[in-house]
Amino acid sequence: MGALLALASALLYGVSDVVGGVVSRRMSFVRVALWGQVGGLVATVLAAPLGGGAGPTSADLLWGGLSGVGTGVAMVALFRGMSRGAMSLVVPVSAVGGLALPVVVAALVVGERPAVWTWAGVLLALPRSGWSRGAGRGLRRGTPARCAAASPRASASACSTSRSPRPEEVRASGP
C-alpha cells in the first residue's frame, strides 16, 4: 500500500508542477503558489476525517505548519523558475533535489538507515541534475523571436531563456 500511495503522490506532484508551471507563465508565480497552498489546505481539511484515529497533537500541527511554509517557499521558487525558464530543465533539477534531500535528512537527522540501493539511486540521480542544466546550452540565445519583447520594462530573461515572452512583455515593448 505504501508504494501505491507513493506513486499516487508522485503523479499528483507531477501534475501540480506542470499545471503550476503553465499557469505561472500567465500570472504571478507567487499568486500561483499561494493558491496552490490554499487548495492543498482545503484538500487536507476535507481528507482529515477519513484518517480516523485521534486528532492531531500540538506537535503534529507545528510540524505540519512548518512543512506547509517550506512547501510554499519551494513552490514559489519552482514556479518562478518555470515562469522564466524551460520547464524541461527546471523540473528535473528540482526533482533530483526533492529525491536526495529527504534521504539524507532521514539518515542524518531521523536516524533511518536507507538501503544500499537507495543510496545508489541517489548517487545515480545527482549527476542527472547537472546533465539537465547542460542541455540548455544548445539553445540559441537572443533569437529575434525572444528578443522582440525586450524593453526596459520587459524581463531580461526574455532574451536568455527558451520560454516565449509574456503578453505584458510584448505590450510593454510597443509597436
N, C-alpha and C. Protein backbone atom coordinates (compact mmCIF):
# COMPACT_ATOMS: atom_id res chain seq x y z
N MET A 1 0.81 -1.20 0.00
CA MET A 1 0.00 0.00 0.00
C MET A 1 0.86 1.26 0.00
N GLY A 2 1.99 1.22 0.72
CA GLY A 2 2.87 2.38 0.77
C GLY A 2 3.41 2.75 -0.60
N ALA A 3 3.80 1.75 -1.40
CA ALA A 3 4.33 2.02 -2.74
C ALA A 3 3.24 2.62 -3.64
N LEU A 4 2.02 2.15 -3.50
CA LEU A 4 0.91 2.68 -4.30
C LEU A 4 0.64 4.14 -3.93
N LEU A 5 0.66 4.45 -2.64
CA LEU A 5 0.47 5.84 -2.22
C LEU A 5 1.62 6.73 -2.69
N ALA A 6 2.83 6.19 -2.68
CA ALA A 6 3.98 6.97 -3.16
C ALA A 6 3.85 7.26 -4.65
N LEU A 7 3.40 6.28 -5.43
CA LEU A 7 3.20 6.51 -6.87
C LEU A 7 2.09 7.53 -7.12
N ALA A 8 1.02 7.44 -6.34
CA ALA A 8 -0.07 8.42 -6.48
C ALA A 8 0.44 9.81 -6.12
N SER A 9 1.24 9.90 -5.08
CA SER A 9 1.81 11.19 -4.67
C SER A 9 2.70 11.76 -5.77
N ALA A 10 3.56 10.92 -6.35
CA ALA A 10 4.44 11.38 -7.43
C ALA A 10 3.64 11.87 -8.63
N LEU A 11 2.58 11.15 -8.97
CA LEU A 11 1.73 11.56 -10.09
C LEU A 11 1.07 12.90 -9.80
N LEU A 12 0.53 13.05 -8.61
CA LEU A 12 -0.15 14.31 -8.27
C LEU A 12 0.84 15.48 -8.18
N TYR A 13 2.04 15.24 -7.65
CA TYR A 13 3.05 16.29 -7.63
C TYR A 13 3.43 16.68 -9.06
N GLY A 14 3.59 15.70 -9.93
CA GLY A 14 3.93 15.98 -11.32
C GLY A 14 2.86 16.81 -12.02
N VAL A 15 1.61 16.43 -11.82
CA VAL A 15 0.51 17.17 -12.43
C VAL A 15 0.48 18.60 -11.89
N SER A 16 0.64 18.76 -10.57
CA SER A 16 0.59 20.11 -9.99
C SER A 16 1.78 20.94 -10.46
N ASP A 17 2.95 20.32 -10.65
CA ASP A 17 4.11 21.06 -11.18
C ASP A 17 3.84 21.57 -12.59
N VAL A 18 3.30 20.71 -13.44
CA VAL A 18 3.03 21.11 -14.82
C VAL A 18 1.96 22.21 -14.86
N VAL A 19 0.86 21.99 -14.16
CA VAL A 19 -0.21 22.99 -14.16
C VAL A 19 0.30 24.31 -13.57
N GLY A 20 1.00 24.24 -12.44
CA GLY A 20 1.54 25.45 -11.83
C GLY A 20 2.54 26.15 -12.72
N GLY A 21 3.37 25.38 -13.41
CA GLY A 21 4.35 25.98 -14.31
C GLY A 21 3.70 26.68 -15.49
N VAL A 22 2.69 26.06 -16.06
CA VAL A 22 1.99 26.67 -17.20
C VAL A 22 1.25 27.93 -16.76
N VAL A 23 0.55 27.84 -15.62
CA VAL A 23 -0.21 29.00 -15.14
C VAL A 23 0.74 30.13 -14.72
N SER A 24 1.91 29.79 -14.16
CA SER A 24 2.83 30.83 -13.70
C SER A 24 3.46 31.60 -14.86
N ARG A 25 3.29 31.13 -16.08
CA ARG A 25 3.75 31.90 -17.24
C ARG A 25 2.72 32.95 -17.64
N ARG A 26 1.51 32.83 -17.10
CA ARG A 26 0.43 33.76 -17.45
C ARG A 26 0.06 34.71 -16.31
N MET A 27 0.42 34.35 -15.09
CA MET A 27 0.13 35.22 -13.94
C MET A 27 1.27 35.09 -12.94
N SER A 28 1.24 35.88 -11.90
CA SER A 28 2.30 35.92 -10.91
C SER A 28 2.58 34.54 -10.31
N PHE A 29 3.85 34.15 -10.31
CA PHE A 29 4.21 32.85 -9.75
C PHE A 29 3.93 32.80 -8.24
N VAL A 30 3.98 33.94 -7.56
CA VAL A 30 3.67 33.98 -6.13
C VAL A 30 2.18 33.69 -5.92
N ARG A 31 1.35 34.29 -6.74
CA ARG A 31 -0.10 34.05 -6.65
C ARG A 31 -0.41 32.58 -6.95
N VAL A 32 0.25 31.99 -7.93
CA VAL A 32 0.02 30.59 -8.27
C VAL A 32 0.39 29.71 -7.08
N ALA A 33 1.54 29.98 -6.46
CA ALA A 33 1.97 29.19 -5.30
C ALA A 33 1.01 29.36 -4.13
N LEU A 34 0.54 30.59 -3.90
CA LEU A 34 -0.39 30.84 -2.80
C LEU A 34 -1.69 30.07 -3.00
N TRP A 35 -2.24 30.14 -4.20
CA TRP A 35 -3.49 29.41 -4.46
C TRP A 35 -3.28 27.90 -4.40
N GLY A 36 -2.12 27.45 -4.79
CA GLY A 36 -1.81 26.02 -4.65
C GLY A 36 -1.79 25.59 -3.20
N GLN A 37 -1.21 26.42 -2.34
CA GLN A 37 -1.19 26.12 -0.92
C GLN A 37 -2.58 26.15 -0.31
N VAL A 38 -3.40 27.12 -0.73
CA VAL A 38 -4.78 27.20 -0.24
C VAL A 38 -5.54 25.93 -0.66
N GLY A 39 -5.36 25.51 -1.91
CA GLY A 39 -6.00 24.28 -2.39
C GLY A 39 -5.54 23.06 -1.61
N GLY A 40 -4.25 23.00 -1.29
CA GLY A 40 -3.73 21.89 -0.50
C GLY A 40 -4.30 21.87 0.91
N LEU A 41 -4.46 23.05 1.51
CA LEU A 41 -5.05 23.13 2.84
C LEU A 41 -6.50 22.66 2.83
N VAL A 42 -7.26 23.10 1.83
CA VAL A 42 -8.66 22.67 1.72
C VAL A 42 -8.74 21.16 1.55
N ALA A 43 -7.91 20.60 0.67
CA ALA A 43 -7.92 19.14 0.46
C ALA A 43 -7.55 18.40 1.74
N THR A 44 -6.60 18.93 2.50
CA THR A 44 -6.19 18.29 3.75
C THR A 44 -7.32 18.32 4.78
N VAL A 45 -7.98 19.47 4.90
CA VAL A 45 -9.08 19.59 5.86
C VAL A 45 -10.21 18.62 5.48
N LEU A 46 -10.48 18.49 4.18
CA LEU A 46 -11.54 17.57 3.75
C LEU A 46 -11.16 16.11 3.93
N ALA A 47 -9.87 15.78 3.78
CA ALA A 47 -9.42 14.40 3.88
C ALA A 47 -9.14 13.97 5.32
N ALA A 48 -8.91 14.92 6.22
CA ALA A 48 -8.53 14.59 7.59
C ALA A 48 -9.52 13.66 8.29
N PRO A 49 -10.82 13.86 8.16
CA PRO A 49 -11.74 12.94 8.85
C PRO A 49 -11.66 11.50 8.34
N LEU A 50 -11.17 11.30 7.14
CA LEU A 50 -11.08 9.95 6.59
C LEU A 50 -9.95 9.14 7.24
N GLY A 51 -8.99 9.83 7.88
CA GLY A 51 -7.86 9.16 8.50
C GLY A 51 -8.21 8.40 9.76
N GLY A 52 -9.27 8.80 10.44
CA GLY A 52 -9.65 8.14 11.68
C GLY A 52 -8.62 8.37 12.77
N GLY A 53 -8.81 7.71 13.88
CA GLY A 53 -7.87 7.83 14.99
C GLY A 53 -8.04 9.14 15.73
N ALA A 54 -7.08 9.39 16.62
CA ALA A 54 -7.11 10.60 17.44
C ALA A 54 -6.78 11.82 16.59
N GLY A 55 -7.20 12.96 17.06
CA GLY A 55 -6.91 14.21 16.36
C GLY A 55 -5.43 14.56 16.49
N PRO A 56 -5.00 15.57 15.77
CA PRO A 56 -3.58 15.94 15.79
C PRO A 56 -3.18 16.57 17.13
N THR A 57 -1.95 16.33 17.52
CA THR A 57 -1.40 16.95 18.71
C THR A 57 -0.82 18.32 18.34
N SER A 58 -0.41 19.07 19.34
CA SER A 58 0.22 20.37 19.08
C SER A 58 1.49 20.20 18.24
N ALA A 59 2.26 19.16 18.55
CA ALA A 59 3.48 18.90 17.78
C ALA A 59 3.15 18.56 16.33
N ASP A 60 2.09 17.80 16.12
CA ASP A 60 1.67 17.47 14.75
C ASP A 60 1.33 18.74 13.97
N LEU A 61 0.59 19.63 14.60
CA LEU A 61 0.20 20.88 13.95
C LEU A 61 1.42 21.76 13.67
N LEU A 62 2.37 21.79 14.61
CA LEU A 62 3.59 22.57 14.42
C LEU A 62 4.39 22.04 13.23
N TRP A 63 4.63 20.73 13.19
CA TRP A 63 5.38 20.14 12.07
C TRP A 63 4.63 20.30 10.75
N GLY A 64 3.32 20.14 10.80
CA GLY A 64 2.52 20.33 9.58
C GLY A 64 2.59 21.77 9.09
N GLY A 65 2.53 22.73 10.01
CA GLY A 65 2.65 24.14 9.65
C GLY A 65 4.02 24.46 9.06
N LEU A 66 5.08 23.94 9.69
CA LEU A 66 6.43 24.15 9.15
C LEU A 66 6.57 23.53 7.76
N SER A 67 5.98 22.36 7.59
CA SER A 67 6.00 21.71 6.27
C SER A 67 5.28 22.56 5.24
N GLY A 68 4.15 23.14 5.63
CA GLY A 68 3.40 24.00 4.71
C GLY A 68 4.19 25.23 4.31
N VAL A 69 4.87 25.84 5.26
CA VAL A 69 5.70 27.02 4.95
C VAL A 69 6.83 26.62 4.01
N GLY A 70 7.49 25.52 4.31
CA GLY A 70 8.57 25.05 3.44
C GLY A 70 8.09 24.73 2.04
N THR A 71 6.95 24.08 1.95
CA THR A 71 6.38 23.76 0.65
C THR A 71 5.99 25.03 -0.10
N GLY A 72 5.44 26.00 0.61
CA GLY A 72 5.07 27.27 -0.04
C GLY A 72 6.27 27.99 -0.62
N VAL A 73 7.35 28.07 0.15
CA VAL A 73 8.57 28.71 -0.34
C VAL A 73 9.14 27.94 -1.54
N ALA A 74 9.12 26.62 -1.43
CA ALA A 74 9.62 25.79 -2.54
C ALA A 74 8.79 25.99 -3.80
N MET A 75 7.48 26.08 -3.65
CA MET A 75 6.61 26.28 -4.82
C MET A 75 6.85 27.64 -5.46
N VAL A 76 7.07 28.67 -4.65
CA VAL A 76 7.38 29.99 -5.21
C VAL A 76 8.65 29.90 -6.04
N ALA A 77 9.68 29.25 -5.50
CA ALA A 77 10.94 29.12 -6.24
C ALA A 77 10.77 28.29 -7.51
N LEU A 78 10.06 27.18 -7.40
CA LEU A 78 9.85 26.31 -8.57
C LEU A 78 9.05 27.03 -9.65
N PHE A 79 7.95 27.67 -9.27
CA PHE A 79 7.12 28.34 -10.26
C PHE A 79 7.82 29.56 -10.85
N ARG A 80 8.66 30.22 -10.07
CA ARG A 80 9.45 31.33 -10.63
C ARG A 80 10.40 30.78 -11.69
N GLY A 81 11.06 29.68 -11.37
CA GLY A 81 11.96 29.06 -12.34
C GLY A 81 11.24 28.64 -13.60
N MET A 82 10.06 28.04 -13.44
CA MET A 82 9.32 27.59 -14.62
C MET A 82 8.71 28.74 -15.39
N SER A 83 8.43 29.87 -14.72
CA SER A 83 7.87 31.01 -15.44
C SER A 83 8.92 31.71 -16.29
N ARG A 84 10.19 31.51 -15.96
CA ARG A 84 11.26 32.22 -16.66
C ARG A 84 12.18 31.32 -17.47
N GLY A 85 12.05 30.03 -17.31
CA GLY A 85 12.96 29.11 -17.99
C GLY A 85 12.23 27.93 -18.58
N ALA A 86 12.98 27.06 -19.18
CA ALA A 86 12.41 25.87 -19.81
C ALA A 86 11.98 24.88 -18.73
N MET A 87 10.72 24.50 -18.77
CA MET A 87 10.19 23.55 -17.80
C MET A 87 10.99 22.24 -17.83
N SER A 88 11.44 21.86 -19.02
CA SER A 88 12.18 20.61 -19.16
C SER A 88 13.55 20.67 -18.51
N LEU A 89 14.02 21.85 -18.13
CA LEU A 89 15.29 21.98 -17.41
C LEU A 89 15.06 22.21 -15.93
N VAL A 90 14.06 23.01 -15.58
CA VAL A 90 13.82 23.38 -14.19
C VAL A 90 13.31 22.19 -13.38
N VAL A 91 12.34 21.46 -13.92
CA VAL A 91 11.70 20.39 -13.16
C VAL A 91 12.66 19.25 -12.83
N PRO A 92 13.50 18.76 -13.75
CA PRO A 92 14.42 17.69 -13.35
C PRO A 92 15.40 18.09 -12.25
N VAL A 93 15.88 19.32 -12.29
CA VAL A 93 16.80 19.77 -11.24
C VAL A 93 16.07 19.78 -9.90
N SER A 94 14.84 20.28 -9.89
CA SER A 94 14.03 20.30 -8.67
C SER A 94 13.73 18.88 -8.19
N ALA A 95 13.42 17.99 -9.10
CA ALA A 95 13.07 16.62 -8.73
C ALA A 95 14.24 15.89 -8.10
N VAL A 96 15.44 16.10 -8.61
CA VAL A 96 16.60 15.43 -8.04
C VAL A 96 16.85 15.92 -6.61
N GLY A 97 16.71 17.22 -6.40
CA GLY A 97 16.85 17.75 -5.04
C GLY A 97 15.77 17.20 -4.12
N GLY A 98 14.57 17.09 -4.64
CA GLY A 98 13.46 16.54 -3.87
C GLY A 98 13.64 15.06 -3.57
N LEU A 99 14.42 14.37 -4.37
CA LEU A 99 14.70 12.96 -4.14
C LEU A 99 15.81 12.79 -3.12
N ALA A 100 16.88 13.54 -3.24
CA ALA A 100 18.06 13.34 -2.41
C ALA A 100 17.90 13.89 -1.00
N LEU A 101 17.32 15.07 -0.85
CA LEU A 101 17.26 15.71 0.45
C LEU A 101 16.54 14.87 1.52
N PRO A 102 15.36 14.31 1.24
CA PRO A 102 14.70 13.50 2.28
C PRO A 102 15.52 12.27 2.69
N VAL A 103 16.23 11.67 1.76
CA VAL A 103 17.04 10.50 2.10
C VAL A 103 18.18 10.91 3.03
N VAL A 104 18.85 12.01 2.71
CA VAL A 104 19.96 12.48 3.54
C VAL A 104 19.46 12.89 4.92
N VAL A 105 18.35 13.63 4.98
CA VAL A 105 17.80 14.05 6.28
C VAL A 105 17.35 12.84 7.09
N ALA A 106 16.71 11.88 6.44
CA ALA A 106 16.28 10.67 7.15
C ALA A 106 17.48 9.94 7.76
N ALA A 107 18.58 9.91 7.04
CA ALA A 107 19.76 9.22 7.55
C ALA A 107 20.47 10.00 8.65
N LEU A 108 20.63 11.31 8.46
CA LEU A 108 21.42 12.10 9.40
C LEU A 108 20.64 12.61 10.60
N VAL A 109 19.37 12.94 10.41
CA VAL A 109 18.58 13.57 11.48
C VAL A 109 17.65 12.57 12.16
N VAL A 110 16.92 11.81 11.37
CA VAL A 110 15.90 10.92 11.92
C VAL A 110 16.51 9.61 12.42
N GLY A 111 17.64 9.24 11.87
CA GLY A 111 18.29 8.01 12.30
C GLY A 111 17.92 6.78 11.47
N GLU A 112 17.25 6.98 10.36
CA GLU A 112 16.93 5.85 9.48
C GLU A 112 18.21 5.36 8.81
N ARG A 113 18.16 4.12 8.36
CA ARG A 113 19.29 3.55 7.66
C ARG A 113 18.84 3.10 6.27
N PRO A 114 18.88 4.04 5.30
CA PRO A 114 18.45 3.67 3.95
C PRO A 114 19.29 2.52 3.40
N ALA A 115 18.65 1.69 2.59
CA ALA A 115 19.34 0.54 1.99
C ALA A 115 20.40 1.02 1.00
N VAL A 116 21.32 0.14 0.70
CA VAL A 116 22.39 0.45 -0.25
C VAL A 116 21.81 0.85 -1.59
N TRP A 117 20.72 0.19 -2.00
CA TRP A 117 20.10 0.51 -3.29
C TRP A 117 19.51 1.92 -3.29
N THR A 118 19.05 2.38 -2.13
CA THR A 118 18.53 3.74 -2.03
C THR A 118 19.65 4.74 -2.26
N TRP A 119 20.80 4.51 -1.59
CA TRP A 119 21.95 5.41 -1.78
C TRP A 119 22.45 5.35 -3.21
N ALA A 120 22.42 4.17 -3.80
CA ALA A 120 22.86 4.03 -5.20
C ALA A 120 21.94 4.85 -6.12
N GLY A 121 20.65 4.81 -5.85
CA GLY A 121 19.70 5.59 -6.65
C GLY A 121 19.95 7.08 -6.53
N VAL A 122 20.22 7.55 -5.30
CA VAL A 122 20.52 8.97 -5.09
C VAL A 122 21.79 9.35 -5.83
N LEU A 123 22.82 8.53 -5.70
CA LEU A 123 24.10 8.84 -6.36
C LEU A 123 23.97 8.82 -7.89
N LEU A 124 23.13 7.95 -8.41
CA LEU A 124 22.91 7.92 -9.86
C LEU A 124 22.09 9.12 -10.34
N ALA A 125 21.19 9.60 -9.50
CA ALA A 125 20.31 10.71 -9.90
C ALA A 125 21.02 12.06 -9.84
N LEU A 126 21.93 12.25 -8.90
CA LEU A 126 22.56 13.56 -8.73
C LEU A 126 23.26 14.07 -10.00
N PRO A 127 24.05 13.26 -10.69
CA PRO A 127 24.67 13.79 -11.91
C PRO A 127 23.66 14.17 -12.99
N ARG A 128 22.49 13.55 -12.98
CA ARG A 128 21.46 13.89 -13.97
C ARG A 128 21.05 15.34 -13.84
N SER A 129 21.11 15.87 -12.63
CA SER A 129 20.77 17.27 -12.42
C SER A 129 21.70 18.16 -13.23
N GLY A 130 22.97 17.90 -13.18
CA GLY A 130 23.94 18.67 -13.95
C GLY A 130 23.78 18.47 -15.44
N TRP A 131 23.45 17.24 -15.86
CA TRP A 131 23.25 16.98 -17.28
C TRP A 131 22.04 17.74 -17.79
N SER A 132 21.00 17.84 -16.97
CA SER A 132 19.81 18.59 -17.39
C SER A 132 20.14 20.05 -17.58
N ARG A 133 20.91 20.62 -16.66
CA ARG A 133 21.27 22.02 -16.78
C ARG A 133 22.11 22.25 -18.03
N GLY A 134 22.96 21.32 -18.36
CA GLY A 134 23.81 21.46 -19.54
C GLY A 134 23.04 21.35 -20.84
N ALA A 135 21.85 20.75 -20.78
CA ALA A 135 21.07 20.57 -22.01
C ALA A 135 20.65 21.90 -22.61
N GLY A 136 20.52 22.92 -21.80
CA GLY A 136 20.10 24.21 -22.30
C GLY A 136 21.16 24.95 -23.09
N ARG A 137 22.39 24.47 -23.06
CA ARG A 137 23.47 25.17 -23.76
C ARG A 137 23.30 25.13 -25.28
N GLY A 138 22.53 24.16 -25.76
CA GLY A 138 22.33 24.08 -27.19
C GLY A 138 21.30 25.06 -27.72
N LEU A 139 20.59 25.72 -26.82
CA LEU A 139 19.58 26.68 -27.26
C LEU A 139 20.25 27.92 -27.82
N ARG A 140 19.67 28.46 -28.85
CA ARG A 140 20.20 29.70 -29.41
C ARG A 140 19.70 30.85 -28.58
N ARG A 141 20.59 31.54 -27.91
CA ARG A 141 20.20 32.67 -27.09
C ARG A 141 20.06 33.92 -27.94
N GLY A 142 19.12 34.77 -27.52
CA GLY A 142 18.99 36.06 -28.17
C GLY A 142 18.38 36.01 -29.55
N THR A 143 17.58 35.00 -29.85
CA THR A 143 16.96 34.95 -31.16
C THR A 143 15.93 36.06 -31.28
N PRO A 144 15.65 36.51 -32.50
CA PRO A 144 14.72 37.63 -32.67
C PRO A 144 13.36 37.39 -32.03
N ALA A 145 12.84 36.17 -32.09
CA ALA A 145 11.52 35.91 -31.52
C ALA A 145 11.52 36.16 -30.02
N ARG A 146 12.59 35.81 -29.33
CA ARG A 146 12.64 36.01 -27.90
C ARG A 146 12.98 37.44 -27.53
N CYS A 147 13.72 38.12 -28.34
CA CYS A 147 14.15 39.47 -28.00
C CYS A 147 13.19 40.53 -28.53
N ALA A 148 12.19 40.12 -29.29
CA ALA A 148 11.24 41.10 -29.82
C ALA A 148 10.52 41.82 -28.69
N ALA A 149 10.40 41.14 -27.55
CA ALA A 149 9.69 41.74 -26.43
C ALA A 149 10.61 42.55 -25.52
N ALA A 150 11.90 42.56 -25.81
CA ALA A 150 12.85 43.22 -24.91
C ALA A 150 12.61 44.73 -24.89
N SER A 151 12.52 45.25 -23.71
CA SER A 151 12.39 46.68 -23.49
C SER A 151 12.84 46.94 -22.07
N PRO A 152 12.99 48.17 -21.65
CA PRO A 152 13.39 48.41 -20.27
C PRO A 152 12.44 47.79 -19.26
N ARG A 153 11.15 47.68 -19.61
CA ARG A 153 10.18 47.11 -18.68
C ARG A 153 10.04 45.60 -18.82
N ALA A 154 10.55 45.02 -19.89
CA ALA A 154 10.41 43.59 -20.11
C ALA A 154 11.46 42.83 -19.30
N SER A 155 11.15 41.59 -19.03
CA SER A 155 12.07 40.74 -18.29
C SER A 155 13.34 40.52 -19.09
N ALA A 156 14.48 40.64 -18.43
CA ALA A 156 15.75 40.40 -19.11
C ALA A 156 15.86 38.96 -19.56
N SER A 157 15.15 38.07 -18.87
CA SER A 157 15.24 36.66 -19.24
C SER A 157 14.51 36.35 -20.53
N ALA A 158 13.74 37.29 -21.06
CA ALA A 158 13.03 37.02 -22.32
C ALA A 158 14.01 36.75 -23.45
N CYS A 159 15.22 37.30 -23.35
CA CYS A 159 16.21 37.09 -24.40
C CYS A 159 17.23 36.03 -24.03
N SER A 160 17.10 35.42 -22.85
CA SER A 160 18.13 34.47 -22.44
C SER A 160 17.59 33.11 -22.06
N THR A 161 16.29 32.85 -22.22
CA THR A 161 15.75 31.55 -21.91
C THR A 161 14.96 31.04 -23.11
N SER A 162 14.49 29.82 -22.98
CA SER A 162 13.77 29.23 -24.10
C SER A 162 12.27 29.49 -24.03
N ARG A 163 11.82 30.27 -23.07
CA ARG A 163 10.38 30.50 -22.97
C ARG A 163 9.93 31.59 -23.93
N SER A 164 8.66 31.59 -24.21
CA SER A 164 8.08 32.65 -25.03
C SER A 164 7.85 33.87 -24.17
N PRO A 165 7.90 35.06 -24.74
CA PRO A 165 7.65 36.26 -23.95
C PRO A 165 6.21 36.28 -23.44
N ARG A 166 6.02 36.87 -22.27
CA ARG A 166 4.69 37.03 -21.72
C ARG A 166 3.95 38.11 -22.50
N PRO A 167 2.61 38.06 -22.50
CA PRO A 167 1.84 39.09 -23.22
C PRO A 167 2.16 40.50 -22.74
N GLU A 168 2.35 40.69 -21.43
CA GLU A 168 2.65 42.03 -20.94
C GLU A 168 4.02 42.51 -21.41
N GLU A 169 4.95 41.58 -21.68
CA GLU A 169 6.24 41.97 -22.21
C GLU A 169 6.13 42.45 -23.63
N VAL A 170 5.27 41.80 -24.41
CA VAL A 170 5.05 42.21 -25.80
C VAL A 170 4.38 43.57 -25.82
N ARG A 171 3.36 43.76 -24.95
CA ARG A 171 2.68 45.06 -24.89
C ARG A 171 3.64 46.16 -24.43
N ALA A 172 4.53 45.85 -23.48
CA ALA A 172 5.45 46.84 -22.93
C ALA A 172 6.48 47.30 -23.96
N SER A 173 6.77 46.43 -24.92
CA SER A 173 7.80 46.78 -25.89
C SER A 173 7.29 47.72 -26.98
N GLY A 174 5.98 47.84 -27.07
CA GLY A 174 5.40 48.76 -28.07
C GLY A 174 5.44 48.19 -29.46
N PRO A 175 5.04 49.01 -30.47
CA PRO A 175 4.98 48.53 -31.86
C PRO A 175 6.35 48.34 -32.47
